[in-house]
Amino acid sequence: MKKLIVALCFTSLLAVAAHAEDKPAAKTEKKTLTAEQKTARKALLDKYDTNKDGKLDKDERSKASADELEKAGYPAKKEKAAK
């Protein structure tokens, strides 16, 4: 009986370890910006950062055009699904 319990515990540990390796580490990777994107971001902040916190929040981003955001390296705007 002890051998069976030890075998089950060991198998469970292996399954958990294998599952943990499958998860992507995309959120931990930081995207590096080109010099052009850094310049474009600074221009966007100067133009649209109304609360002067150094970041563009959702409302401030909505005022910028898609082309401006793309040049600055921001992710594309997500389209809302029609209900």
C-alpha atoms as a PDB file:
ATOM      1  CA  MET A   1       0.000   0.000   0.000  1.00  0.00           C
ATOM      2  CA  LYS A   2       2.831   2.407   0.845  1.00  0.00           C
ATOM      3  CA  LYS A   3       4.409   1.773  -2.555  1.00  0.00           C
ATOM      4  CA  LEU A   4       1.144   2.610  -4.296  1.00  0.00           C
ATOM      5  CA  ILE A   5       0.760   5.896  -2.382  1.00  0.00           C
ATOM      6  CA  VAL A   6       4.391   6.857  -3.075  1.00  0.00           C
ATOM      7  CA  ALA A   7       3.939   6.009  -6.773  1.00  0.00           C
ATOM      8  CA  LEU A   8       0.773   8.129  -6.989  1.00  0.00           C
ATOM      9  CA  CYS A   9       2.455  11.082  -5.274  1.00  0.00           C
ATOM     10  CA  PHE A  10       5.467  10.846  -7.569  1.00  0.00           C
ATOM     11  CA  THR A  11       3.245  10.636 -10.670  1.00  0.00           C
ATOM     12  CA  SER A  12       1.261  13.660  -9.493  1.00  0.00           C
ATOM     13  CA  LEU A  13       4.458  15.655  -8.989  1.00  0.00           C
ATOM     14  CA  LEU A  14       5.648  14.766 -12.485  1.00  0.00           C
ATOM     15  CA  ALA A  15       2.305  15.799 -13.978  1.00  0.00           C
ATOM     16  CA  VAL A  16       2.360  19.150 -12.180  1.00  0.00           C
ATOM     17  CA  ALA A  17       5.955  19.804 -13.235  1.00  0.00           C
ATOM     18  CA  ALA A  18       5.192  18.945 -16.869  1.00  0.00           C
ATOM     19  CA  HIS A  19       2.158  21.234 -16.862  1.00  0.00           C
ATOM     20  CA  ALA A  20       4.143  24.130 -15.396  1.00  0.00           C
ATOM     21  CA  GLU A  21       6.677  23.923 -18.240  1.00  0.00           C
ATOM     22  CA  ASP A  22       3.929  24.269 -20.874  1.00  0.00           C
ATOM     23  CA  LYS A  23       2.895  27.765 -19.779  1.00  0.00           C
ATOM     24  CA  PRO A  24       4.306  30.570 -21.935  1.00  0.00           C
ATOM     25  CA  ALA A  25       6.343  33.321 -20.298  1.00  0.00           C
ATOM     26  CA  ALA A  26       4.968  36.047 -22.589  1.00  0.00           C
ATOM     27  CA  LYS A  27       3.988  38.425 -19.803  1.00  0.00           C
ATOM     28  CA  THR A  28       7.475  38.491 -18.319  1.00  0.00           C
ATOM     29  CA  GLU A  29       9.155  39.464 -21.590  1.00  0.00           C
ATOM     30  CA  LYS A  30       9.440  43.178 -22.207  1.00  0.00           C
ATOM     31  CA  LYS A  31       9.339  44.559 -25.720  1.00  0.00           C
ATOM     32  CA  THR A  32      12.233  46.791 -26.714  1.00  0.00           C
ATOM     33  CA  LEU A  33      11.387  49.930 -28.653  1.00  0.00           C
ATOM     34  CA  THR A  34      13.241  51.369 -31.614  1.00  0.00           C
ATOM     35  CA  ALA A  35      14.508  54.946 -31.546  1.00  0.00           C
ATOM     36  CA  GLU A  36      11.653  55.963 -33.882  1.00  0.00           C
ATOM     37  CA  GLN A  37       9.069  54.395 -31.547  1.00  0.00           C
ATOM     38  CA  LYS A  38      10.576  56.137 -28.512  1.00  0.00           C
ATOM     39  CA  THR A  39      10.357  59.483 -30.316  1.00  0.00           C
ATOM     40  CA  ALA A  40       6.765  58.765 -31.367  1.00  0.00           C
ATOM     41  CA  ARG A  41       5.814  57.795 -27.786  1.00  0.00           C
ATOM     42  CA  LYS A  42       7.272  61.019 -26.430  1.00  0.00           C
ATOM     43  CA  ALA A  43       5.268  62.998 -28.983  1.00  0.00           C
ATOM     44  CA  LEU A  44       2.089  61.088 -28.042  1.00  0.00           C
ATOM     45  CA  LEU A  45       2.671  61.751 -24.345  1.00  0.00           C
ATOM     46  CA  ASP A  46       3.249  65.440 -24.984  1.00  0.00           C
ATOM     47  CA  LYS A  47       0.061  65.644 -27.041  1.00  0.00           C
ATOM     48  CA  TYR A  48      -2.399  63.315 -25.255  1.00  0.00           C
ATOM     49  CA  ASP A  49      -1.195  62.760 -21.653  1.00  0.00           C
ATOM     50  CA  THR A  50      -3.682  65.136 -20.026  1.00  0.00           C
ATOM     51  CA  ASN A  51      -3.050  64.057 -16.425  1.00  0.00           C
ATOM     52  CA  LYS A  52       0.758  64.195 -16.924  1.00  0.00           C
ATOM     53  CA  ASP A  53       1.434  60.822 -15.280  1.00  0.00           C
ATOM     54  CA  GLY A  54       3.794  59.683 -18.052  1.00  0.00           C
ATOM     55  CA  LYS A  55       1.385  57.008 -19.307  1.00  0.00           C
ATOM     56  CA  LEU A  56      -1.502  56.929 -21.736  1.00  0.00           C
ATOM     57  CA  ASP A  57      -4.606  55.527 -20.073  1.00  0.00           C
ATOM     58  CA  LYS A  58      -7.581  54.117 -21.967  1.00  0.00           C
ATOM     59  CA  ASP A  59      -9.299  57.496 -22.445  1.00  0.00           C
ATOM     60  CA  GLU A  60      -6.111  59.199 -23.607  1.00  0.00           C
ATOM     61  CA  ARG A  61      -5.350  56.365 -26.064  1.00  0.00           C
ATOM     62  CA  SER A  62      -8.854  56.581 -27.501  1.00  0.00           C
ATOM     63  CA  LYS A  63      -8.139  60.171 -28.577  1.00  0.00           C
ATOM     64  CA  ALA A  64      -5.007  59.159 -30.525  1.00  0.00           C
ATOM     65  CA  SER A  65      -5.287  57.767 -34.040  1.00  0.00           C
ATOM     66  CA  ALA A  66      -4.487  54.138 -34.814  1.00  0.00           C
ATOM     67  CA  ASP A  67      -1.551  55.233 -36.998  1.00  0.00           C
ATOM     68  CA  GLU A  68      -0.034  57.301 -34.180  1.00  0.00           C
ATOM     69  CA  LEU A  69      -0.359  54.410 -31.755  1.00  0.00           C
ATOM     70  CA  GLU A  70       1.119  51.927 -34.230  1.00  0.00           C
ATOM     71  CA  LYS A  71       4.140  54.148 -34.924  1.00  0.00           C
ATOM     72  CA  ALA A  72       4.741  54.438 -31.168  1.00  0.00           C
ATOM     73  CA  GLY A  73       4.686  50.655 -30.730  1.00  0.00           C
ATOM     74  CA  TYR A  74       1.442  50.417 -28.795  1.00  0.00           C
ATOM     75  CA  PRO A  75      -0.642  47.274 -29.377  1.00  0.00           C
ATOM     76  CA  ALA A  76      -3.429  47.535 -31.929  1.00  0.00           C
ATOM     77  CA  LYS A  77      -6.831  48.569 -30.659  1.00  0.00           C
ATOM     78  CA  LYS A  78      -9.071  45.569 -29.996  1.00  0.00           C
ATOM     79  CA  GLU A  79     -12.363  45.552 -31.843  1.00  0.00           C
ATOM     80  CA  LYS A  80     -15.394  44.972 -29.648  1.00  0.00           C
ATOM     81  CA  ALA A  81     -17.521  42.037 -30.719  1.00  0.00           C
ATOM     82  CA  ALA A  82     -21.038  42.896 -31.860  1.00  0.00           C
ATOM     83  CA  LYS A  83     -23.756  41.556 -29.564  1.00  0.00           C
END
